Amino acid sequence: MRRIVTALITALALPLTAAAPAHTAEPADAYADLLVKKVKGANVEEHLRAFQKIATAHGGNRAAGTTGYDASRDYVADKLRRAGYKVTLDPVQFVESWTENSPPALTETAPERRAYVPKQDFFAFEPSPAGDVTAQVQGVDLTLPPAATPSSTSGCEASDFDGFVAGRIALVQRGTCAFSQKVRNAGAAGAAAIIVFNEGQKGRTEAEQLDIGEWRAGIPMVYADYAVGERLAGTEDATVRLTVDSTVAIGTDHNVIAETRTGDPGNVVMLGAHLDSVPAGPGINDNGSGSAAILEVAEEMARFPVKNRVRFAFWAAEELGLLGSDQYVASLPRTERDRIRLYLNFDMVASPNFAYKLYDGDDSDDTGASAGPPGSAQIEEQFETFFGSRDLPTVGTDFDGRSDYGPFIAVGIPAGGIFTGAEGSKTAEEAKLFGGTAGSAYDACYHQACDTIRNVNGTALDVNADAIADSAARFAFDLSSIPRRATPAHGGGG
């Protein structure tokens, strides 16, 4: 251990700006070895027990908008301050309640009159703000007739709204990105309201009531059957009256953001995990496990200076639609985004029936979403190297948009991380690789009251905490494998 510390201190004594990439591997190796030894699974479990105690004392959960979340936030912030970090409580707005006072209305007023049936042909998106708009409908990048498989990117990119006439009602097709993304892009383009219609494939034709967590665009929004969208798209100069009668109450939570006091602020290595649970339970695997792991890494990392600035984020309101990370990224000026060289995400890293899943940065699995932004493949490779050094297998997992890497990828920031599985079933191949039970859920207590301190796999938690420490340490000293972003990225993509 003394040899490792000496090598690290010697490396840190060198002028950081003068160190050539060829010389950065040695301090990175030394620091990674040291940090992995310092990070203890037992300490991670201590944080998990604290989260369980908090949930037990606050109605059984740590969900956004509850005293259980507030206590979790304060616990994490106190630990980080005591470790010496600069800690910021970053406000996050969320919908505290949404009330639909009367049924919505959607009526064609020109060239012919036709009224659609609420709660059958269309629904108001929860939490749509109130509004009464009469305007011409304008289709946005529609695929009609629909493709054989879900693939529409209608409204997913800001550029889809090039040529959109402000004040019109945007007609957008369901597809491969989040409804909330379509709504935000429509609002930014000056739409007075938005109609999203189902995409049109088998099983994707009917409308339903959906909570998309998005209200900030400030425009009334409804979700319609495919038949409604097809008719409006095929009607020249269609004008409709769209009405939503609702009351939205907004609450505030906080992300916890902590940053090292040393390191180059122009090169930020960022790690994140969501801190909130669902209302149904304490969320000890989902996602106490990720939060506890990066908290332990942060506490140990604080003991030594680093070459690159390291930032830790504990996200609020992820379970309400990635609100904490989404609002954080959206609030950053481009110059600040460009300083974030990469983002590492850790959501559920101790599932009982676990698999070691690494986000598929290079799309080598060729399933679902495409590859992450440039640099994501190198992040995946770094994690693979760590697991390989312990003769542990890994499998890929898709960037499916279900966790907090989503907003970072959308603006071109490379991302990666570890996931041990949620409600999906473990395959027979995975059972051979990792043990456990094929055909059973990775986490049978996913989003349930039984996601308690008894619902974590200690082996997976310990191994993944070491993997997090290893990659965080290496990138804290060596970003030579991560390409600089030459031009600003535009969020979206299908």
Protein backbone atom coordinates (compact mmCIF):
# COMPACT_ATOMS: atom_id res chain seq x y z
CA MET A 1 0.00 0.00 0.00
CA ARG A 2 2.83 2.44 0.87
CA ARG A 3 4.35 1.89 -2.60
CA ILE A 4 1.03 2.74 -4.27
CA VAL A 5 0.56 5.91 -2.20
CA THR A 6 4.14 7.01 -2.90
CA ALA A 7 3.70 6.49 -6.64
CA LEU A 8 0.50 8.46 -6.57
CA ILE A 9 1.93 11.38 -4.61
CA THR A 10 4.94 11.48 -6.92
CA ALA A 11 2.67 11.58 -9.96
CA LEU A 12 0.58 14.34 -8.43
CA ALA A 13 3.68 16.41 -7.80
CA LEU A 14 4.24 16.69 -11.56
CA PRO A 15 2.79 19.73 -13.31
CA LEU A 16 -0.57 18.47 -14.50
CA THR A 17 -0.58 20.50 -17.69
CA ALA A 18 2.86 19.24 -18.64
CA ALA A 19 2.08 15.55 -18.32
CA ALA A 20 1.87 13.91 -21.72
CA PRO A 21 -0.77 11.22 -22.35
CA ALA A 22 1.98 8.57 -22.40
CA HIS A 23 2.75 9.36 -18.74
CA THR A 24 -0.82 9.48 -17.43
CA ALA A 25 -1.33 5.71 -17.29
CA GLU A 26 0.99 5.22 -14.29
CA PRO A 27 -0.77 7.65 -11.90
CA ALA A 28 -4.14 6.42 -13.17
CA ASP A 29 -3.15 2.82 -12.38
CA ALA A 30 -1.78 3.75 -8.98
CA TYR A 31 -4.83 5.79 -8.04
CA ALA A 32 -7.24 3.09 -9.26
CA ASP A 33 -5.43 0.43 -7.22
CA LEU A 34 -5.53 2.64 -4.16
CA LEU A 35 -9.18 3.68 -4.47
CA VAL A 36 -10.41 0.14 -5.11
CA LYS A 37 -8.63 -1.01 -1.95
CA LYS A 38 -10.14 1.84 0.05
CA VAL A 39 -13.74 1.35 -1.12
CA LYS A 40 -15.43 -1.28 1.06
CA GLY A 41 -18.65 -3.13 0.44
CA ALA A 42 -19.34 -3.02 4.18
CA ASN A 43 -19.33 0.79 4.06
CA VAL A 44 -21.73 0.77 1.12
CA GLU A 45 -24.03 -1.49 3.11
CA GLU A 46 -23.84 0.96 6.01
CA HIS A 47 -25.28 3.66 3.75
CA LEU A 48 -28.01 1.25 2.62
CA ARG A 49 -28.96 0.58 6.22
CA ALA A 50 -29.20 4.34 6.74
CA PHE A 51 -31.54 4.63 3.74
CA GLN A 52 -33.66 1.78 5.12
CA LYS A 53 -33.83 3.50 8.52
CA ILE A 54 -34.90 6.73 6.85
CA ALA A 55 -37.64 4.99 4.87
CA THR A 56 -38.92 3.15 7.93
CA ALA A 57 -39.17 6.44 9.83
CA HIS A 58 -40.95 8.24 7.00
CA GLY A 59 -43.90 6.16 5.89
CA GLY A 60 -41.96 3.33 4.25
CA ASN A 61 -40.49 5.17 1.26
CA ARG A 62 -38.08 7.86 0.07
CA ALA A 63 -40.12 9.12 -2.89
CA ALA A 64 -39.92 12.59 -4.44
CA GLY A 65 -41.95 15.13 -2.52
CA THR A 66 -41.83 13.24 0.78
CA THR A 67 -40.00 13.73 4.06
CA GLY A 68 -38.26 10.44 3.32
CA TYR A 69 -36.62 11.98 0.27
CA ASP A 70 -35.70 15.11 2.22
CA ALA A 71 -34.01 13.00 4.92
CA SER A 72 -32.13 10.99 2.26
CA ARG A 73 -30.97 14.22 0.62
CA ASP A 74 -29.77 15.64 3.95
CA TYR A 75 -27.97 12.40 4.86
CA VAL A 76 -26.04 12.38 1.59
CA ALA A 77 -25.28 16.10 1.65
CA ASP A 78 -23.97 15.88 5.23
CA LYS A 79 -21.67 12.96 4.41
CA LEU A 80 -20.26 14.79 1.39
CA ARG A 81 -19.69 18.04 3.27
CA ARG A 82 -17.91 16.17 6.04
CA ALA A 83 -15.68 14.60 3.39
CA GLY A 84 -14.69 18.07 2.21
CA TYR A 85 -16.73 18.49 -0.97
CA LYS A 86 -18.33 21.63 -2.25
CA VAL A 87 -22.01 20.61 -2.08
CA THR A 88 -24.91 22.24 -3.92
CA LEU A 89 -28.60 21.52 -3.44
CA ASP A 90 -29.92 21.97 -6.96
CA PRO A 91 -33.71 22.68 -7.12
CA VAL A 92 -35.87 20.29 -9.14
CA GLN A 93 -39.50 20.99 -9.89
CA PHE A 94 -42.05 18.22 -10.14
CA VAL A 95 -45.81 17.84 -10.31
CA GLU A 96 -47.11 17.46 -6.79
CA SER A 97 -50.67 16.91 -7.96
CA TRP A 98 -52.71 17.10 -11.15
CA THR A 99 -56.50 17.35 -11.28
CA GLU A 100 -58.58 17.08 -14.42
CA ASN A 101 -61.55 19.30 -13.59
CA SER A 102 -63.63 18.32 -16.61
CA PRO A 103 -63.12 16.11 -19.68
CA PRO A 104 -60.87 17.45 -22.45
CA ALA A 105 -62.27 18.47 -25.83
CA LEU A 106 -60.90 17.97 -29.35
CA THR A 107 -63.02 19.20 -32.24
CA GLU A 108 -62.26 19.83 -35.92
CA THR A 109 -63.71 23.22 -36.78
CA ALA A 110 -62.54 23.41 -40.42
CA PRO A 111 -62.80 22.50 -43.22
CA GLU A 112 -65.56 20.34 -41.70
CA ARG A 113 -66.80 20.00 -38.15
CA ARG A 114 -66.06 16.76 -36.31
CA ALA A 115 -65.95 16.18 -32.55
CA TYR A 116 -63.78 13.42 -31.09
CA VAL A 117 -64.85 11.47 -28.01
CA PRO A 118 -62.80 12.16 -24.84
CA LYS A 119 -61.52 9.14 -22.92
CA GLN A 120 -62.05 7.09 -26.07
CA ASP A 121 -60.54 8.78 -29.12
CA PHE A 122 -58.08 10.82 -27.05
CA PHE A 123 -56.96 11.63 -23.50
CA ALA A 124 -55.30 14.60 -21.90
CA PHE A 125 -51.72 13.77 -20.99
CA GLU A 126 -51.13 13.97 -17.28
CA PRO A 127 -49.96 16.58 -16.23
CA SER A 128 -51.11 18.81 -19.09
CA PRO A 129 -51.59 22.44 -18.10
CA ALA A 130 -54.98 24.00 -18.78
CA GLY A 131 -55.58 25.65 -22.12
CA ASP A 132 -58.16 26.41 -24.79
CA VAL A 133 -56.60 26.70 -28.26
CA THR A 134 -58.14 26.96 -31.72
CA ALA A 135 -55.55 26.80 -34.48
CA GLN A 136 -54.44 25.07 -37.65
CA VAL A 137 -52.78 21.68 -37.23
CA GLN A 138 -49.29 21.12 -38.65
CA GLY A 139 -47.75 17.64 -38.96
CA VAL A 140 -44.17 17.17 -37.78
CA ASP A 141 -41.96 14.57 -39.51
CA LEU A 142 -44.75 11.97 -39.74
CA THR A 143 -44.34 8.44 -41.12
CA LEU A 144 -47.61 7.60 -42.88
CA PRO A 145 -48.40 4.85 -43.41
CA PRO A 146 -46.39 3.65 -40.41
CA ALA A 147 -43.32 1.46 -40.78
CA ALA A 148 -43.66 -2.25 -40.02
CA THR A 149 -41.91 -1.83 -36.66
CA PRO A 150 -41.86 1.13 -34.23
CA SER A 151 -39.32 3.56 -35.64
CA SER A 152 -40.85 7.02 -35.98
CA THR A 153 -38.66 9.88 -34.75
CA SER A 154 -41.43 12.46 -35.20
CA GLY A 155 -40.74 15.40 -32.89
CA CYS A 156 -37.68 13.80 -31.33
CA GLU A 157 -35.26 16.43 -32.60
CA ALA A 158 -35.46 20.20 -32.53
CA SER A 159 -34.70 20.16 -36.26
CA ASP A 160 -37.98 18.28 -36.89
CA PHE A 161 -39.70 21.61 -36.22
CA ASP A 162 -37.75 23.55 -38.84
CA GLY A 163 -40.43 25.40 -40.78
CA PHE A 164 -43.04 24.99 -38.06
CA VAL A 165 -45.35 28.01 -37.85
CA ALA A 166 -45.51 29.37 -34.33
CA GLY A 167 -49.03 29.43 -32.92
CA ARG A 168 -50.18 26.28 -34.69
CA ILE A 169 -51.03 22.96 -33.04
CA ALA A 170 -48.25 20.41 -33.53
CA LEU A 171 -49.35 16.98 -34.75
CA VAL A 172 -46.71 14.48 -33.69
CA GLN A 173 -46.51 10.68 -33.99
CA ARG A 174 -45.54 8.31 -31.19
CA GLY A 175 -42.19 6.61 -31.81
CA THR A 176 -38.79 5.89 -30.38
CA CYS A 177 -38.21 8.81 -28.00
CA ALA A 178 -40.01 9.95 -24.88
CA PHE A 179 -43.34 11.76 -25.15
CA SER A 180 -41.88 14.45 -22.88
CA GLN A 181 -39.11 15.11 -25.40
CA LYS A 182 -41.65 15.67 -28.18
CA VAL A 183 -43.65 18.03 -25.98
CA ARG A 184 -40.60 20.09 -25.01
CA ASN A 185 -39.46 20.40 -28.61
CA ALA A 186 -42.95 21.48 -29.68
CA GLY A 187 -43.10 24.11 -26.95
CA ALA A 188 -39.66 25.42 -27.89
CA ALA A 189 -40.81 25.73 -31.52
CA GLY A 190 -43.74 27.94 -30.51
CA ALA A 191 -46.57 25.42 -30.76
CA ALA A 192 -49.76 26.56 -29.04
CA ALA A 193 -50.69 22.95 -28.20
CA ILE A 194 -49.69 19.42 -29.19
CA ILE A 195 -51.53 16.32 -30.32
CA VAL A 196 -49.46 13.12 -30.12
CA PHE A 197 -51.09 10.14 -31.86
CA ASN A 198 -50.23 6.47 -31.56
CA GLU A 199 -47.80 5.17 -34.16
CA GLY A 200 -50.05 2.73 -36.01
CA GLN A 201 -48.53 -0.75 -35.76
CA LYS A 202 -50.45 -3.67 -34.24
CA GLY A 203 -50.81 -2.97 -30.54
CA ARG A 204 -49.95 0.71 -31.10
CA THR A 205 -53.21 2.18 -32.39
CA GLU A 206 -55.33 3.11 -29.36
CA ALA A 207 -54.93 6.07 -27.01
CA GLU A 208 -54.78 5.76 -23.22
CA GLN A 209 -54.27 7.90 -20.14
CA LEU A 210 -50.54 8.46 -19.63
CA ASP A 211 -48.50 10.40 -17.07
CA ILE A 212 -45.43 11.80 -18.84
CA GLY A 213 -44.25 14.08 -16.03
CA GLU A 214 -43.87 17.03 -18.41
CA TRP A 215 -45.58 20.36 -17.83
CA ARG A 216 -42.77 22.87 -18.35
CA ALA A 217 -43.49 23.45 -22.03
CA GLY A 218 -46.66 25.21 -20.81
CA ILE A 219 -48.88 23.99 -23.64
CA PRO A 220 -52.00 21.80 -23.47
CA MET A 221 -51.27 18.29 -24.71
CA VAL A 222 -53.36 15.27 -25.63
CA TYR A 223 -52.74 11.69 -26.73
CA ALA A 224 -54.94 10.42 -29.58
CA ASP A 225 -55.68 7.21 -31.47
CA TYR A 226 -53.77 6.51 -34.65
CA ALA A 227 -57.00 7.00 -36.60
CA VAL A 228 -57.37 10.56 -35.27
CA GLY A 229 -53.82 11.47 -36.23
CA GLU A 230 -54.13 9.87 -39.65
CA ARG A 231 -57.31 11.84 -40.37
CA LEU A 232 -55.89 15.17 -39.22
CA ALA A 233 -52.67 14.62 -41.19
CA GLY A 234 -54.67 13.82 -44.33
CA THR A 235 -56.98 16.83 -44.06
CA GLU A 236 -55.69 19.92 -45.80
CA ASP A 237 -55.65 23.01 -43.58
CA ALA A 238 -57.32 21.16 -40.72
CA THR A 239 -58.18 23.46 -37.84
CA VAL A 240 -59.10 22.16 -34.41
CA ARG A 241 -60.16 23.43 -31.03
CA LEU A 242 -58.26 21.69 -28.22
CA THR A 243 -59.28 22.23 -24.60
CA VAL A 244 -57.80 20.90 -21.38
CA ASP A 245 -59.36 21.90 -18.04
CA SER A 246 -56.88 21.01 -15.29
CA THR A 247 -55.13 22.22 -12.16
CA VAL A 248 -51.41 21.55 -11.68
CA ALA A 249 -49.63 21.97 -8.35
CA ILE A 250 -45.82 22.16 -8.53
CA GLY A 251 -43.44 21.02 -5.77
CA THR A 252 -39.68 21.34 -5.37
CA ASP A 253 -37.04 18.75 -4.44
CA HIS A 254 -33.26 18.95 -4.79
CA ASN A 255 -30.49 17.12 -6.56
CA VAL A 256 -27.38 16.80 -4.42
CA ILE A 257 -24.34 17.85 -6.46
CA ALA A 258 -20.82 17.50 -5.02
CA GLU A 259 -17.55 18.40 -6.71
CA THR A 260 -13.92 17.85 -5.82
CA ARG A 261 -11.98 20.95 -4.84
CA THR A 262 -9.01 19.89 -6.95
CA GLY A 263 -8.70 18.93 -10.60
CA ASP A 264 -9.03 20.75 -13.89
CA PRO A 265 -12.50 22.39 -14.02
CA GLY A 266 -12.34 22.24 -17.81
CA ASN A 267 -12.34 18.43 -17.66
CA VAL A 268 -15.19 17.14 -15.51
CA VAL A 269 -15.76 13.44 -14.84
CA MET A 270 -19.33 13.00 -13.65
CA LEU A 271 -20.94 10.10 -11.76
CA GLY A 272 -24.64 9.91 -10.98
CA ALA A 273 -27.32 7.78 -9.34
CA HIS A 274 -30.91 8.59 -8.52
CA LEU A 275 -31.67 9.01 -4.84
CA ASP A 276 -35.46 8.77 -4.82
CA SER A 277 -37.57 5.62 -4.46
CA VAL A 278 -41.07 4.92 -5.75
CA PRO A 279 -43.92 5.59 -3.27
CA ALA A 280 -44.53 1.85 -2.90
CA GLY A 281 -41.35 1.06 -0.98
CA PRO A 282 -37.97 2.12 0.44
CA GLY A 283 -36.06 1.56 -2.83
CA ILE A 284 -32.96 -0.03 -1.34
CA ASN A 285 -31.84 -1.72 -4.55
CA ASP A 286 -33.65 0.83 -6.74
CA ASN A 287 -31.76 2.96 -6.22
CA GLY A 288 -30.24 3.03 -2.79
CA SER A 289 -27.61 0.67 -4.18
CA GLY A 290 -26.29 3.06 -6.82
CA SER A 291 -26.47 6.07 -4.49
CA ALA A 292 -24.71 4.24 -1.65
CA ALA A 293 -21.96 2.99 -3.96
CA ILE A 294 -21.06 6.37 -5.41
CA LEU A 295 -21.31 7.96 -1.95
CA GLU A 296 -18.69 5.52 -0.64
CA VAL A 297 -16.48 6.19 -3.69
CA ALA A 298 -16.83 9.95 -3.12
CA GLU A 299 -15.89 9.70 0.54
CA GLU A 300 -12.73 7.76 -0.24
CA MET A 301 -11.81 9.82 -3.31
CA ALA A 302 -11.88 12.98 -1.19
CA ARG A 303 -8.70 11.86 0.57
CA PHE A 304 -6.47 12.54 -2.47
CA PRO A 305 -6.22 15.26 -5.14
CA VAL A 306 -7.14 14.41 -8.71
CA LYS A 307 -6.04 15.64 -12.13
CA ASN A 308 -9.54 16.13 -13.56
CA ARG A 309 -12.44 17.62 -11.61
CA VAL A 310 -14.87 14.91 -10.40
CA ARG A 311 -18.55 15.65 -9.85
CA PHE A 312 -21.06 13.40 -8.08
CA ALA A 313 -24.81 13.75 -8.62
CA PHE A 314 -27.61 12.24 -6.55
CA TRP A 315 -30.70 12.81 -8.65
CA ALA A 316 -34.15 13.75 -7.42
CA ALA A 317 -37.43 12.64 -9.03
CA GLU A 318 -35.96 10.07 -11.42
CA GLU A 319 -38.98 7.88 -10.78
CA LEU A 320 -41.23 10.72 -12.01
CA GLY A 321 -39.51 10.81 -15.40
CA LEU A 322 -35.78 11.58 -15.01
CA LEU A 323 -36.73 15.05 -13.81
CA GLY A 324 -33.63 15.71 -11.72
CA SER A 325 -31.08 14.88 -14.40
CA ASP A 326 -33.21 16.30 -17.18
CA GLN A 327 -33.64 19.70 -15.55
CA TYR A 328 -29.98 19.77 -14.51
CA VAL A 329 -28.69 19.17 -18.04
CA ALA A 330 -31.23 21.59 -19.53
CA SER A 331 -30.07 24.32 -17.15
CA LEU A 332 -26.40 24.10 -18.18
CA PRO A 333 -25.05 26.57 -20.74
CA ARG A 334 -23.26 24.88 -23.63
CA THR A 335 -19.88 25.92 -22.24
CA GLU A 336 -20.68 24.08 -19.01
CA ARG A 337 -21.93 21.00 -20.86
CA ASP A 338 -18.72 20.93 -22.86
CA ARG A 339 -16.70 20.73 -19.66
CA ILE A 340 -18.41 17.43 -18.79
CA ARG A 341 -16.22 14.95 -20.62
CA LEU A 342 -18.26 11.88 -19.68
CA TYR A 343 -21.13 10.71 -17.47
CA LEU A 344 -21.22 7.39 -15.56
CA ASN A 345 -24.64 6.14 -14.41
CA PHE A 346 -25.37 3.60 -11.68
CA ASP A 347 -29.00 2.54 -11.28
CA MET A 348 -29.66 -0.79 -9.49
CA VAL A 349 -26.24 -2.35 -8.96
CA ALA A 350 -27.19 -5.07 -6.44
CA SER A 351 -30.19 -6.93 -7.85
CA PRO A 352 -30.81 -10.27 -6.06
CA ASN A 353 -30.82 -12.32 -9.28
CA PHE A 354 -28.13 -10.13 -10.81
CA ALA A 355 -26.25 -9.99 -14.08
CA TYR A 356 -23.29 -7.69 -14.65
CA LYS A 357 -24.72 -5.51 -17.43
CA LEU A 358 -22.69 -2.72 -19.03
CA TYR A 359 -24.35 -0.01 -21.10
CA ASP A 360 -23.72 -0.84 -24.75
CA GLY A 361 -21.73 2.20 -25.78
CA ASP A 362 -20.67 0.86 -29.18
CA ASP A 363 -24.00 -0.86 -30.04
CA SER A 364 -22.15 -4.13 -30.53
CA ASP A 365 -25.31 -5.95 -29.39
CA ASP A 366 -27.14 -4.33 -32.33
CA THR A 367 -30.43 -4.10 -30.42
CA GLY A 368 -32.68 -1.20 -29.50
CA ALA A 369 -31.09 2.24 -29.40
CA SER A 370 -28.01 3.12 -31.40
CA ALA A 371 -24.52 3.60 -29.97
CA GLY A 372 -23.91 6.31 -27.41
CA PRO A 373 -22.10 9.54 -28.32
CA PRO A 374 -18.40 9.20 -29.23
CA GLY A 375 -16.49 8.12 -26.14
CA SER A 376 -19.25 5.80 -24.90
CA ALA A 377 -17.55 2.76 -26.44
CA GLN A 378 -14.35 3.58 -24.57
CA ILE A 379 -16.27 3.85 -21.29
CA GLU A 380 -17.79 0.42 -21.87
CA GLU A 381 -14.33 -0.95 -22.69
CA GLN A 382 -12.90 0.45 -19.45
CA PHE A 383 -15.56 -1.36 -17.40
CA GLU A 384 -15.00 -4.54 -19.41
CA THR A 385 -11.29 -4.35 -18.60
CA PHE A 386 -12.00 -4.17 -14.89
CA PHE A 387 -14.39 -7.13 -14.86
CA GLY A 388 -12.00 -9.07 -17.09
CA SER A 389 -9.18 -8.48 -14.61
CA ARG A 390 -11.27 -10.43 -12.10
CA ASP A 391 -12.30 -13.09 -14.62
CA LEU A 392 -15.90 -11.94 -14.34
CA PRO A 393 -18.17 -12.03 -17.41
CA THR A 394 -20.37 -9.14 -18.51
CA VAL A 395 -23.21 -8.64 -20.98
CA GLY A 396 -24.45 -5.52 -22.71
CA THR A 397 -27.56 -3.55 -21.87
CA ASP A 398 -29.25 -1.08 -24.18
CA PHE A 399 -29.44 2.68 -23.74
CA ASP A 400 -33.23 2.35 -23.53
CA GLY A 401 -33.82 5.79 -22.00
CA ARG A 402 -35.03 4.50 -18.65
CA SER A 403 -32.34 6.06 -16.48
CA ASP A 404 -30.44 9.29 -15.94
CA TYR A 405 -27.90 8.85 -18.73
CA GLY A 406 -30.69 9.85 -21.15
CA PRO A 407 -30.42 13.66 -20.87
CA PHE A 408 -26.61 13.48 -21.13
CA ILE A 409 -26.66 11.33 -24.26
CA ALA A 410 -29.24 13.66 -25.79
CA VAL A 411 -26.76 16.55 -25.74
CA GLY A 412 -23.82 14.49 -26.98
CA ILE A 413 -22.08 13.68 -23.69
CA PRO A 414 -20.63 10.14 -23.75
CA ALA A 415 -22.05 7.84 -21.10
CA GLY A 416 -21.75 4.40 -19.61
CA GLY A 417 -22.23 2.50 -16.40
CA ILE A 418 -23.46 -0.65 -14.70
CA PHE A 419 -26.93 -2.15 -14.29
CA THR A 420 -27.82 -5.50 -12.69
CA GLY A 421 -31.37 -5.87 -13.98
CA ALA A 422 -34.88 -4.86 -12.95
CA GLU A 423 -38.24 -6.51 -13.70
CA GLY A 424 -37.01 -8.39 -16.78
CA SER A 425 -36.31 -12.12 -16.71
CA LYS A 426 -32.84 -13.59 -16.52
CA THR A 427 -31.97 -15.65 -19.58
CA ALA A 428 -30.62 -19.18 -19.50
CA GLU A 429 -27.34 -17.90 -20.95
CA GLU A 430 -27.06 -15.29 -18.20
CA ALA A 431 -27.77 -17.92 -15.53
CA LYS A 432 -24.80 -19.92 -16.85
CA LEU A 433 -22.59 -16.84 -16.72
CA PHE A 434 -23.67 -15.35 -13.39
CA GLY A 435 -25.56 -18.06 -11.52
CA GLY A 436 -29.02 -17.38 -10.20
CA THR A 437 -32.35 -18.46 -11.64
CA ALA A 438 -33.18 -18.38 -15.34
CA GLY A 439 -36.70 -17.27 -16.15
CA SER A 440 -37.02 -15.27 -12.92
CA ALA A 441 -36.85 -11.50 -12.55
CA TYR A 442 -33.48 -9.92 -11.80
CA ASP A 443 -35.31 -8.10 -9.02
CA ALA A 444 -38.67 -9.60 -8.05
CA CYS A 445 -39.21 -6.67 -5.66
CA TYR A 446 -38.73 -4.00 -8.33
CA HIS A 447 -40.92 -0.98 -7.44
CA GLN A 448 -42.50 -2.85 -4.54
CA ALA A 449 -42.62 -2.61 -0.75
CA CYS A 450 -40.25 -5.59 -0.47
CA ASP A 451 -37.33 -3.62 -1.98
CA THR A 452 -35.76 -3.47 1.48
CA ILE A 453 -32.31 -4.03 2.93
CA ARG A 454 -32.96 -7.77 2.45
CA ASN A 455 -33.34 -7.25 -1.29
CA VAL A 456 -29.69 -6.71 -2.21
CA ASN A 457 -27.04 -9.13 -3.38
CA GLY A 458 -23.91 -8.43 -1.32
CA THR A 459 -21.54 -9.94 -3.87
CA ALA A 460 -22.85 -7.80 -6.73
CA LEU A 461 -22.82 -4.71 -4.50
CA ASP A 462 -19.19 -5.23 -3.48
CA VAL A 463 -17.92 -6.03 -6.98
CA ASN A 464 -19.77 -3.13 -8.56
CA ALA A 465 -18.56 -0.67 -5.93
CA ASP A 466 -15.01 -1.68 -6.84
CA ALA A 467 -15.78 -1.33 -10.55
CA ILE A 468 -17.16 2.16 -9.96
CA ALA A 469 -14.08 3.11 -7.95
CA ASP A 470 -11.74 1.75 -10.63
CA SER A 471 -13.30 3.62 -13.55
CA ALA A 472 -13.84 6.83 -11.58
CA ALA A 473 -10.20 6.82 -10.54
CA ARG A 474 -8.85 6.12 -14.01
CA PHE A 475 -10.91 8.83 -15.67
CA ALA A 476 -10.07 11.22 -12.84
CA PHE A 477 -6.46 11.00 -14.05
CA ASP A 478 -6.64 10.05 -17.71
CA LEU A 479 -9.20 11.22 -20.29
CA SER A 480 -6.97 10.61 -23.29
CA SER A 481 -9.35 7.91 -24.63
CA ILE A 482 -12.38 10.22 -24.57
CA PRO A 483 -12.63 12.44 -27.67
CA ARG A 484 -13.34 16.13 -27.35
CA ARG A 485 -16.75 17.20 -28.70
CA ALA A 486 -15.97 19.38 -31.67
CA THR A 487 -19.43 20.90 -32.15
CA PRO A 488 -22.47 21.28 -29.91
CA ALA A 489 -24.89 18.37 -30.08
CA HIS A 490 -28.64 18.88 -30.45
CA GLY A 491 -30.79 16.81 -28.14
CA GLY A 492 -33.21 14.28 -29.52
CA GLY A 493 -32.55 11.36 -31.73
CA GLY A 494 -34.70 8.32 -32.12
